[in-house]
Amino acid sequence: MILLLDGASIVTKAFHVQEFAKLAGVTVRALHHYDRLGLLKPNRTEAGYRLYHLRDLERLEQIVALKFLGIPLKQIRRMFQRGTSAMSDSLQMQRRVLEEKRRLLDSAIRAIVEAERAAAPGNRPDSTILKKIIEVIEMQDNMDWSKKYYSAEAQAKIEERKKLWSPENQERWSKEWSDLFRDVEAALGADPAGAKAQVLAARWKKLVEGFTGGDAQITAGLAKMYQDRPNWPASIEQRMQPFSNKKVWEFIQKAFAAGKTTN
């Protein structure tokens, strides 16, 4: 630790990186990483050594707390850059993601408790309970799988959008997708730049926007998910039919590309 003069008479404490790491309970490597990401930028001595102050400890505590909540470091940096209101919004979204995870875990625990009762000596396993366990496991797998493509913030936004979908809207949306897939399959031999293909592409775009709400993060995650289609697990592949139809997907992509060159 060294003492620095701040102004005419105020003395402040400053810590070299090893001292600050020990004080904060983190590794030197972590501090270097936060520095490279622009999350926690220390002062520098004339010789180029890092110097940390007590105010940096408060910032570090925020970083560690947000990281513990599952928020990626790059997202934490954006939150700091955008200010207090952005941090509040992100924390609310993260809370909703955690609440959804808790709901799934509670469902899983209840199903397992029922299964334990059913498996007790003298009891016959109930097929309904076993089916419920499978459903809960599939729900958890689906959530874990989506983490590859959607940030925590995007997942929270998706959950919020789901609340806006009434059963009637979901049924209509599913029917529109089914009709669209049928029409695209019938048009696979058509010119992607032709009027028929462009109408289909416009219908596709409209339905996608019905899911994303035009949100850039959700749209980016959706695109990433479809690009990774060859790596989808078998259970997801089956659940996502007919979205996993390679020929349909490739035709629509060609139609989108042709539309960009002709517009």
Protein backbone atom coordinates (compact mmCIF):
# COMPACT_ATOMS: atom_id res chain seq x y z
CA MET A 1 0.00 0.00 0.00
CA ILE A 2 1.17 3.54 -0.75
CA LEU A 3 -0.16 6.95 0.22
CA LEU A 4 -0.90 9.59 -2.41
CA LEU A 5 -1.53 13.29 -2.04
CA ASP A 6 -4.86 14.25 -3.55
CA GLY A 7 -4.87 18.02 -3.90
CA ALA A 8 -3.15 20.17 -1.30
CA SER A 9 -3.56 18.11 1.85
CA ILE A 10 -5.81 15.07 1.34
CA VAL A 11 -4.04 11.73 1.55
CA THR A 12 -5.56 8.71 -0.21
CA LYS A 13 -4.58 5.05 -0.09
CA ALA A 14 -3.51 3.24 -3.23
CA PHE A 15 -2.78 -0.46 -3.62
CA HIS A 16 -0.60 -2.41 -6.01
CA VAL A 17 -2.41 -5.20 -7.83
CA GLN A 18 -1.27 -8.01 -5.50
CA GLU A 19 -2.32 -6.03 -2.41
CA PHE A 20 -5.68 -5.10 -3.89
CA ALA A 21 -6.36 -8.70 -4.96
CA LYS A 22 -5.72 -9.88 -1.39
CA LEU A 23 -7.87 -7.09 0.06
CA ALA A 24 -10.76 -7.87 -2.30
CA GLY A 25 -10.48 -11.66 -2.14
CA VAL A 26 -10.00 -12.11 -5.89
CA THR A 27 -7.10 -13.28 -8.02
CA VAL A 28 -4.61 -11.02 -9.77
CA ARG A 29 -5.58 -12.78 -12.99
CA ALA A 30 -9.22 -11.73 -12.49
CA LEU A 31 -8.19 -8.09 -11.98
CA HIS A 32 -6.10 -8.17 -15.16
CA HIS A 33 -9.09 -9.65 -17.02
CA TYR A 34 -11.45 -6.95 -15.74
CA ASP A 35 -8.89 -4.34 -16.77
CA ARG A 36 -8.66 -5.73 -20.32
CA LEU A 37 -12.46 -5.74 -20.63
CA GLY A 38 -12.68 -2.14 -19.44
CA LEU A 39 -14.72 -3.14 -16.39
CA LEU A 40 -12.25 -1.98 -13.75
CA LYS A 41 -9.55 0.38 -15.01
CA PRO A 42 -6.91 1.20 -12.36
CA ASN A 43 -4.59 4.17 -12.39
CA ARG A 44 -1.01 3.63 -13.51
CA THR A 45 2.31 4.65 -12.02
CA GLU A 46 4.94 6.31 -14.20
CA ALA A 47 6.53 2.89 -14.51
CA GLY A 48 3.23 1.42 -15.76
CA TYR A 49 2.23 -0.52 -12.65
CA ARG A 50 -1.47 -0.74 -11.75
CA LEU A 51 -2.70 1.24 -8.74
CA TYR A 52 -6.10 0.61 -7.18
CA HIS A 53 -8.04 2.81 -4.77
CA LEU A 54 -10.76 2.07 -2.22
CA ARG A 55 -13.38 3.40 -4.66
CA ASP A 56 -12.33 0.57 -7.01
CA LEU A 57 -13.33 -1.91 -4.31
CA GLU A 58 -16.97 -0.77 -4.54
CA ARG A 59 -16.90 -1.18 -8.32
CA LEU A 60 -15.36 -4.63 -7.96
CA GLU A 61 -18.06 -5.66 -5.49
CA GLN A 62 -20.69 -4.69 -8.07
CA ILE A 63 -18.93 -6.74 -10.76
CA VAL A 64 -18.68 -9.82 -8.54
CA ALA A 65 -22.32 -9.54 -7.44
CA LEU A 66 -23.63 -9.16 -11.01
CA LYS A 67 -21.43 -12.01 -12.21
CA PHE A 68 -22.82 -14.21 -9.42
CA LEU A 69 -26.32 -13.51 -10.77
CA GLY A 70 -25.23 -15.02 -14.07
CA ILE A 71 -24.86 -11.79 -16.04
CA PRO A 72 -22.01 -12.03 -18.61
CA LEU A 73 -19.06 -9.67 -18.12
CA LYS A 74 -19.59 -7.94 -21.46
CA GLN A 75 -23.18 -7.23 -20.51
CA ILE A 76 -22.01 -5.88 -17.13
CA ARG A 77 -19.70 -3.51 -18.97
CA ARG A 78 -22.59 -2.24 -21.10
CA MET A 79 -24.64 -1.75 -17.95
CA PHE A 80 -21.90 0.40 -16.41
CA GLN A 81 -21.54 2.39 -19.63
CA ARG A 82 -25.28 3.08 -19.88
CA GLY A 83 -25.73 4.13 -16.25
CA THR A 84 -28.01 3.40 -13.31
CA SER A 85 -31.29 3.05 -15.22
CA ALA A 86 -29.79 0.46 -17.57
CA MET A 87 -28.46 -1.50 -14.60
CA SER A 88 -31.90 -1.45 -12.98
CA ASP A 89 -33.54 -2.73 -16.18
CA SER A 90 -30.96 -5.49 -16.59
CA LEU A 91 -31.32 -6.57 -12.97
CA GLN A 92 -35.10 -6.77 -13.36
CA MET A 93 -34.69 -8.96 -16.45
CA GLN A 94 -32.16 -11.16 -14.67
CA ARG A 95 -34.55 -11.51 -11.74
CA ARG A 96 -37.29 -12.71 -14.10
CA VAL A 97 -34.92 -15.30 -15.62
CA LEU A 98 -34.03 -16.58 -12.14
CA GLU A 99 -37.71 -16.67 -11.16
CA GLU A 100 -38.46 -18.81 -14.23
CA LYS A 101 -35.60 -21.14 -13.31
CA ARG A 102 -36.96 -21.37 -9.76
CA ARG A 103 -40.41 -22.22 -11.13
CA LEU A 104 -38.92 -25.06 -13.19
CA LEU A 105 -36.90 -26.33 -10.23
CA ASP A 106 -39.99 -26.25 -7.99
CA SER A 107 -41.89 -28.26 -10.61
CA ALA A 108 -39.04 -30.77 -10.81
CA ILE A 109 -38.89 -31.14 -7.02
CA ARG A 110 -42.65 -31.69 -6.78
CA ALA A 111 -42.52 -34.31 -9.53
CA ILE A 112 -39.62 -36.13 -7.87
CA VAL A 113 -41.40 -36.13 -4.48
CA GLU A 114 -44.45 -37.71 -6.14
CA ALA A 115 -42.20 -40.24 -7.88
CA GLU A 116 -40.57 -41.15 -4.55
CA ARG A 117 -44.00 -41.82 -3.07
CA ALA A 118 -45.00 -43.89 -6.07
CA ALA A 119 -41.78 -45.89 -5.88
CA ALA A 120 -42.20 -46.69 -2.18
CA PRO A 121 -42.63 -50.40 -1.33
CA GLY A 122 -46.19 -51.55 -1.90
CA ASN A 123 -47.05 -48.76 -4.34
CA ARG A 124 -47.45 -49.06 -8.09
CA PRO A 125 -45.74 -46.39 -10.23
CA ASP A 126 -48.26 -43.95 -11.70
CA SER A 127 -47.69 -43.38 -15.42
CA THR A 128 -49.04 -39.83 -15.05
CA ILE A 129 -46.33 -38.97 -12.51
CA LEU A 130 -43.60 -40.51 -14.65
CA LYS A 131 -44.87 -38.54 -17.64
CA LYS A 132 -44.73 -35.35 -15.56
CA ILE A 133 -41.10 -36.03 -14.63
CA ILE A 134 -40.21 -36.46 -18.29
CA GLU A 135 -41.96 -33.18 -19.14
CA VAL A 136 -40.07 -31.31 -16.41
CA ILE A 137 -36.73 -32.76 -17.57
CA GLU A 138 -37.51 -31.75 -21.15
CA MET A 139 -38.43 -28.22 -20.02
CA GLN A 140 -35.11 -27.94 -18.17
CA ASP A 141 -33.19 -29.32 -21.17
CA ASN A 142 -34.93 -26.82 -23.42
CA MET A 143 -33.97 -23.91 -21.14
CA ASP A 144 -30.34 -25.08 -20.84
CA TRP A 145 -30.16 -25.55 -24.61
CA SER A 146 -31.41 -22.02 -25.33
CA LYS A 147 -28.62 -20.54 -23.18
CA LYS A 148 -26.24 -21.28 -26.06
CA TYR A 149 -28.02 -18.78 -28.25
CA TYR A 150 -29.79 -16.23 -26.06
CA SER A 151 -28.26 -13.95 -23.47
CA ALA A 152 -29.88 -13.78 -20.03
CA GLU A 153 -31.36 -10.43 -21.04
CA ALA A 154 -32.82 -11.88 -24.25
CA GLN A 155 -34.26 -14.88 -22.34
CA ALA A 156 -35.97 -12.50 -19.93
CA LYS A 157 -37.43 -10.53 -22.83
CA ILE A 158 -38.75 -13.73 -24.41
CA GLU A 159 -40.44 -14.70 -21.14
CA GLU A 160 -42.05 -11.25 -21.00
CA ARG A 161 -43.30 -11.59 -24.56
CA LYS A 162 -44.78 -15.02 -23.79
CA LYS A 163 -47.05 -13.38 -21.23
CA LEU A 164 -48.58 -11.32 -24.05
CA TRP A 165 -49.52 -14.41 -26.08
CA SER A 166 -53.03 -15.58 -25.31
CA PRO A 167 -53.91 -19.23 -26.07
CA GLU A 168 -55.89 -17.98 -29.07
CA ASN A 169 -52.90 -16.00 -30.37
CA GLN A 170 -50.59 -18.98 -29.92
CA GLU A 171 -53.01 -21.25 -31.76
CA ARG A 172 -53.34 -18.77 -34.63
CA TRP A 173 -49.56 -18.25 -34.75
CA SER A 174 -48.94 -22.03 -34.90
CA LYS A 175 -51.48 -22.42 -37.70
CA GLU A 176 -49.91 -19.58 -39.69
CA TRP A 177 -46.50 -21.26 -39.39
CA SER A 178 -47.93 -24.63 -40.45
CA ASP A 179 -49.61 -23.03 -43.47
CA LEU A 180 -46.41 -21.19 -44.36
CA PHE A 181 -44.24 -24.33 -44.17
CA ARG A 182 -46.71 -26.17 -46.38
CA ASP A 183 -46.65 -23.34 -48.94
CA VAL A 184 -42.83 -23.09 -48.88
CA GLU A 185 -42.46 -26.85 -49.38
CA ALA A 186 -44.78 -26.58 -52.39
CA ALA A 187 -42.65 -23.76 -53.82
CA LEU A 188 -39.18 -25.30 -53.38
CA GLY A 189 -38.63 -25.45 -57.13
CA ALA A 190 -39.53 -21.79 -57.69
CA ASP A 191 -37.12 -18.93 -58.39
CA PRO A 192 -36.05 -17.43 -55.01
CA ALA A 193 -36.09 -13.99 -56.64
CA GLY A 194 -39.57 -14.49 -58.10
CA ALA A 195 -42.75 -12.91 -56.81
CA LYS A 196 -44.03 -16.13 -55.23
CA ALA A 197 -40.86 -16.68 -53.20
CA GLN A 198 -40.74 -13.04 -52.13
CA VAL A 199 -44.32 -13.20 -50.82
CA LEU A 200 -43.37 -16.30 -48.80
CA ALA A 201 -40.27 -14.54 -47.46
CA ALA A 202 -42.40 -11.57 -46.39
CA ARG A 203 -44.81 -13.89 -44.56
CA TRP A 204 -41.85 -15.59 -42.86
CA LYS A 205 -40.39 -12.27 -41.75
CA LYS A 206 -43.73 -11.14 -40.34
CA LEU A 207 -44.12 -14.32 -38.27
CA VAL A 208 -40.55 -14.10 -36.97
CA GLU A 209 -41.17 -10.50 -35.90
CA GLY A 210 -44.27 -11.75 -34.09
CA PHE A 211 -41.90 -13.79 -31.91
CA THR A 212 -39.04 -11.29 -31.57
CA GLY A 213 -41.11 -8.11 -31.40
CA GLY A 214 -38.35 -6.55 -33.51
CA ASP A 215 -35.88 -6.89 -30.61
CA ALA A 216 -32.30 -7.06 -31.91
CA GLN A 217 -31.05 -9.40 -29.15
CA ILE A 218 -33.83 -11.95 -29.64
CA THR A 219 -33.44 -11.77 -33.43
CA ALA A 220 -29.67 -12.33 -33.18
CA GLY A 221 -30.17 -15.32 -30.87
CA LEU A 222 -32.78 -16.82 -33.19
CA ALA A 223 -30.46 -16.48 -36.20
CA LYS A 224 -27.60 -18.06 -34.23
CA MET A 225 -29.84 -20.96 -33.24
CA TYR A 226 -30.83 -21.77 -36.82
CA GLN A 227 -27.25 -21.47 -38.05
CA ASP A 228 -26.33 -24.14 -35.50
CA ARG A 229 -29.11 -26.44 -36.72
CA PRO A 230 -26.75 -29.37 -37.55
CA ASN A 231 -25.76 -29.50 -33.87
CA TRP A 232 -29.28 -29.61 -32.44
CA PRO A 233 -29.85 -32.52 -30.01
CA ALA A 234 -32.21 -35.21 -31.29
CA SER A 235 -34.89 -34.28 -28.74
CA ILE A 236 -34.76 -30.63 -29.82
CA GLU A 237 -34.71 -31.60 -33.49
CA GLN A 238 -37.93 -33.54 -33.01
CA ARG A 239 -39.53 -30.77 -30.96
CA MET A 240 -38.62 -28.11 -33.54
CA GLN A 241 -40.16 -29.90 -36.51
CA PRO A 242 -40.89 -28.61 -39.10
CA PHE A 243 -38.52 -25.70 -38.32
CA SER A 244 -35.59 -28.07 -38.78
CA ASN A 245 -36.48 -28.78 -42.44
CA LYS A 246 -33.18 -28.00 -44.16
CA LYS A 247 -34.65 -27.47 -47.65
CA VAL A 248 -37.30 -25.05 -46.39
CA TRP A 249 -34.72 -23.08 -44.41
CA GLU A 250 -32.27 -22.86 -47.34
CA PHE A 251 -35.00 -21.77 -49.76
CA ILE A 252 -36.16 -18.96 -47.46
CA GLN A 253 -32.57 -17.79 -46.95
CA LYS A 254 -32.10 -17.64 -50.73
CA ALA A 255 -35.36 -15.70 -51.05
CA PHE A 256 -34.19 -13.20 -48.41
CA ALA A 257 -30.83 -12.81 -50.17
CA ALA A 258 -32.51 -12.35 -53.56
CA GLY A 259 -34.86 -9.76 -52.09
CA LYS A 260 -31.93 -7.71 -50.78
CA THR A 261 -30.27 -7.63 -54.21
CA THR A 262 -33.44 -6.70 -56.09
CA ASN A 263 -34.78 -4.06 -53.67
